[in-house]
Protein backbone atom coordinates (compact mmCIF):
# COMPACT_ATOMS: atom_id res chain seq x y z
CA UNK A 1 -45.56 -52.90 92.42
CA UNK A 2 -41.81 -53.59 92.62
CA UNK A 3 -39.22 -51.49 94.39
CA UNK A 4 -37.68 -50.88 91.20
CA UNK A 5 -40.42 -48.47 89.94
CA UNK A 6 -40.49 -46.17 93.06
CA UNK A 7 -36.76 -46.01 93.09
CA UNK A 8 -36.88 -44.92 89.27
CA UNK A 9 -39.69 -42.33 90.22
CA UNK A 10 -37.73 -41.14 93.10
CA UNK A 11 -34.46 -40.71 90.69
CA UNK A 12 -36.73 -39.12 88.04
CA UNK A 13 -37.98 -36.60 90.79
CA UNK A 14 -34.69 -35.80 92.07
CA UNK A 15 -33.42 -35.21 88.38
CA UNK A 16 -36.41 -32.99 87.66
CA UNK A 17 -35.78 -31.06 90.82
CA UNK A 18 -32.21 -30.47 90.16
CA UNK A 19 -33.16 -29.24 86.53
CA UNK A 20 -35.59 -26.88 87.89
CA UNK A 21 -32.94 -25.59 90.47
CA UNK A 22 -30.51 -25.34 87.45
CA UNK A 23 -32.90 -23.41 85.50
CA UNK A 24 -33.37 -20.92 88.48
CA UNK A 25 -29.69 -20.23 88.59
CA UNK A 26 -29.49 -19.40 84.99
CA UNK A 27 -32.25 -16.72 85.17
CA UNK A 28 -30.90 -13.27 85.29
CA UNK A 29 -31.40 -11.36 88.79
CA UNK A 30 -34.03 -8.76 88.72
CA UNK A 31 -32.93 -5.22 87.96
CA UNK A 32 -32.33 -2.95 90.80
CA UNK A 33 -34.94 -0.16 91.25
CA UNK A 34 -32.41 2.53 90.73
CA UNK A 35 -30.56 1.36 87.67
CA UNK A 36 -29.27 3.99 85.43
CA UNK A 37 -29.72 4.11 81.77
CA UNK A 38 -26.47 4.70 79.48
CA UNK A 39 -28.84 7.09 77.34
CA UNK A 40 -27.95 10.71 77.82
CA UNK A 41 -31.09 12.79 78.12
CA UNK A 42 -30.72 16.50 78.22
CA UNK A 43 -33.13 18.71 80.02
CA UNK A 44 -35.68 20.67 78.11
CA UNK A 45 -34.29 23.93 76.86
CA UNK A 46 -35.76 27.20 75.38
CA UNK A 47 -35.15 27.62 71.75
CA UNK A 48 -31.86 29.62 70.90
CA UNK A 49 -32.29 33.27 70.15
CA UNK A 50 -30.28 35.32 67.93
CA UNK A 51 -28.50 37.96 70.09
CA UNK A 52 -26.19 39.71 67.67
CA UNK A 53 -25.19 39.81 64.07
CA UNK A 54 -22.74 41.61 61.48
CA UNK A 55 -24.26 43.41 59.75
CA UNK A 56 -26.64 44.39 62.20
CA UNK A 57 -30.43 44.82 61.46
CA UNK A 58 -30.46 47.80 58.76
CA UNK A 59 -26.79 48.56 59.04
CA UNK A 60 -25.06 50.14 55.95
CA UNK A 61 -22.03 48.11 54.85
CA UNK A 62 -19.41 48.22 52.23
CA UNK A 63 -19.80 46.22 48.93
CA UNK A 64 -17.47 43.29 48.00
CA UNK A 65 -16.51 40.59 50.36
CA UNK A 66 -18.74 40.25 53.47
CA UNK A 67 -18.57 37.93 56.33
CA UNK A 68 -22.06 37.36 57.90
CA UNK A 69 -21.70 36.73 61.55
CA UNK A 70 -24.83 35.39 63.67
CA UNK A 71 -24.44 34.83 67.45
CA UNK A 72 -26.90 32.88 69.64
CA UNK A 73 -27.62 32.78 73.31
CA UNK A 74 -26.65 29.16 73.63
CA UNK A 75 -24.05 26.75 72.50
CA UNK A 76 -25.07 25.43 69.19
CA UNK A 77 -24.83 22.30 67.04
CA UNK A 78 -22.08 22.65 64.52
CA UNK A 79 -23.89 20.45 61.91
CA UNK A 80 -27.43 22.12 62.15
CA UNK A 81 -27.97 25.20 60.20
CA UNK A 82 -30.50 26.69 57.70
CA UNK A 83 -30.46 30.00 55.88
CA UNK A 84 -32.48 31.42 53.05
CA UNK A 85 -33.10 34.56 51.34
CA UNK A 86 -35.45 37.09 53.03
CA UNK A 87 -38.57 38.03 51.21
CA UNK A 88 -38.55 41.39 49.24
CA UNK A 89 -34.73 41.83 48.98
CA UNK A 90 -31.58 40.83 47.36
CA UNK A 91 -30.50 37.21 48.11
CA UNK A 92 -26.89 36.90 49.28
CA UNK A 93 -24.13 35.16 47.20
CA UNK A 94 -22.50 33.01 49.83
CA UNK A 95 -20.65 29.73 50.25
CA UNK A 96 -22.91 26.91 51.37
CA UNK A 97 -21.87 25.91 54.89
CA UNK A 98 -21.27 28.39 57.77
CA UNK A 99 -18.51 27.50 60.26
CA UNK A 100 -19.30 27.55 63.86
CA UNK A 101 -16.55 29.45 66.02
CA UNK A 102 -14.73 28.05 69.21
CA UNK A 103 -17.28 29.93 71.34
CA UNK A 104 -19.76 27.54 70.11
CA UNK A 105 -22.45 30.15 69.87
CA UNK A 106 -21.31 32.22 66.74
CA UNK A 107 -21.52 31.26 63.22
CA UNK A 108 -19.73 32.93 60.35
CA UNK A 109 -20.61 32.72 56.58
CA UNK A 110 -18.44 34.04 53.73
CA UNK A 111 -20.44 36.15 51.22
CA UNK A 112 -20.46 38.64 48.50
CA UNK A 113 -22.62 41.77 48.26
CA UNK A 114 -23.06 44.48 45.55
CA UNK A 115 -23.17 48.23 45.91
CA UNK A 116 -26.52 50.02 46.24
CA UNK A 117 -28.81 47.00 47.24
CA UNK A 118 -30.55 45.82 50.12
CA UNK A 119 -29.85 42.18 51.13
CA UNK A 120 -31.57 39.83 53.62
CA UNK A 121 -31.33 36.34 55.07
CA UNK A 122 -33.81 34.35 57.05
CA UNK A 123 -32.19 32.13 59.56
CA UNK A 124 -34.20 28.99 60.15
CA UNK A 125 -36.77 29.61 57.43
CA UNK A 126 -37.50 25.99 57.98
CA UNK A 127 -36.94 25.16 61.72
CA UNK A 128 -36.57 21.58 61.12
CA UNK A 129 -32.80 20.73 60.41
CA UNK A 130 -31.93 24.55 60.91
CA UNK A 131 -29.79 25.99 63.50
CA UNK A 132 -30.36 24.20 66.81
CA UNK A 133 -28.71 24.09 70.34
CA UNK A 134 -26.93 21.03 71.69
CA UNK A 135 -30.11 19.36 72.75
CA UNK A 136 -31.68 19.48 69.05
CA UNK A 137 -33.97 22.44 70.12
CA UNK A 138 -34.22 24.61 66.99
CA UNK A 139 -33.52 28.45 67.13
CA UNK A 140 -36.39 30.82 66.63
CA UNK A 141 -36.76 31.90 63.09
CA UNK A 142 -34.98 35.45 62.57
CA UNK A 143 -34.85 37.71 59.66
CA UNK A 144 -31.85 40.20 58.91
CA UNK A 145 -31.73 42.75 56.33
CA UNK A 146 -29.05 45.36 55.64
CA UNK A 147 -28.10 47.93 53.02
CA UNK A 148 -25.16 48.08 51.00
CA UNK A 149 -23.50 51.61 50.19
CA UNK A 150 -21.38 52.78 47.14
CA UNK A 151 -18.11 53.10 48.74
CA UNK A 152 -15.02 51.29 47.74
CA UNK A 153 -15.44 47.62 47.97
CA UNK A 154 -13.98 45.25 50.39
CA UNK A 155 -11.56 43.06 48.43
CA UNK A 156 -9.72 40.91 51.00
CA UNK A 157 -10.66 38.40 53.52
CA UNK A 158 -8.59 40.20 56.25
CA UNK A 159 -10.65 43.39 55.57
CA UNK A 160 -13.88 41.59 55.74
CA UNK A 161 -12.92 39.79 58.97
CA UNK A 162 -11.85 43.32 60.53
CA UNK A 163 -15.29 44.84 59.46
CA UNK A 164 -17.14 41.77 61.20
CA UNK A 165 -15.01 42.12 64.41
CA UNK A 166 -13.31 38.57 63.97
CA UNK A 167 -9.84 37.73 65.06
CA UNK A 168 -7.27 35.83 62.88
CA UNK A 169 -8.40 32.24 63.97
CA UNK A 170 -12.10 33.05 63.37
CA UNK A 171 -11.86 32.73 59.47
CA UNK A 172 -15.29 31.69 57.86
CA UNK A 173 -13.61 28.85 56.10
CA UNK A 174 -11.07 26.38 57.39
CA UNK A 175 -8.08 24.98 55.49
CA UNK A 176 -8.39 21.49 54.54
CA UNK A 177 -5.93 19.08 55.94
CA UNK A 178 -2.83 18.61 53.78
CA UNK A 179 -3.12 15.56 51.38
CA UNK A 180 -0.32 13.14 51.69
CA UNK A 181 1.49 12.39 48.52
CA UNK A 182 0.58 9.07 47.18
CA UNK A 183 2.70 6.24 48.23
CA UNK A 184 4.52 4.76 45.19
CA UNK A 185 4.99 0.98 44.84
CA UNK A 186 8.52 -0.02 45.33
CA UNK A 187 10.17 -1.09 42.04
CA UNK A 188 11.61 -4.46 41.72
CA UNK A 189 15.36 -4.88 41.92
CA UNK A 190 17.18 -4.69 38.68
CA UNK A 191 14.90 -2.64 36.71
């Protein structure tokens, strides 16, 4: 055997050894045992409970404009809500979407009710997709019924807000942001 072959073998082993050392440098270091995940995990919560409402259960109210107000015992998600007519009573005529007030616990909903009727609403008739807290835990199902008298009707939003105990900044509907006028294209010079 000539010296040329052992020298070639030595060069090859050195090159392979360098490649494996190079491969070891590129491997990521093992994770630390106490690494923190960037995912926010909220602790388990109890289902939110309805703590107050306007109208209250079995309360007598005036006909006309009515603001249904429901308050929960926890901060709620502004995009999760579900209401349906209660069984055996008149369904209310309401706008589709309730508004969550700044306290993050109270929803208000603009409705209209007629004289001499009994109305009712079921909150979270379907718990999935219904009123839920910030941890996505749905509120307990609650049924609210009330009666409407025959006195003079409430005809303004202001009177309905006063009856529901709401302040000026707690309207059940929000103003849409102003729409900017369309930008017209510049006219060419000389026309």
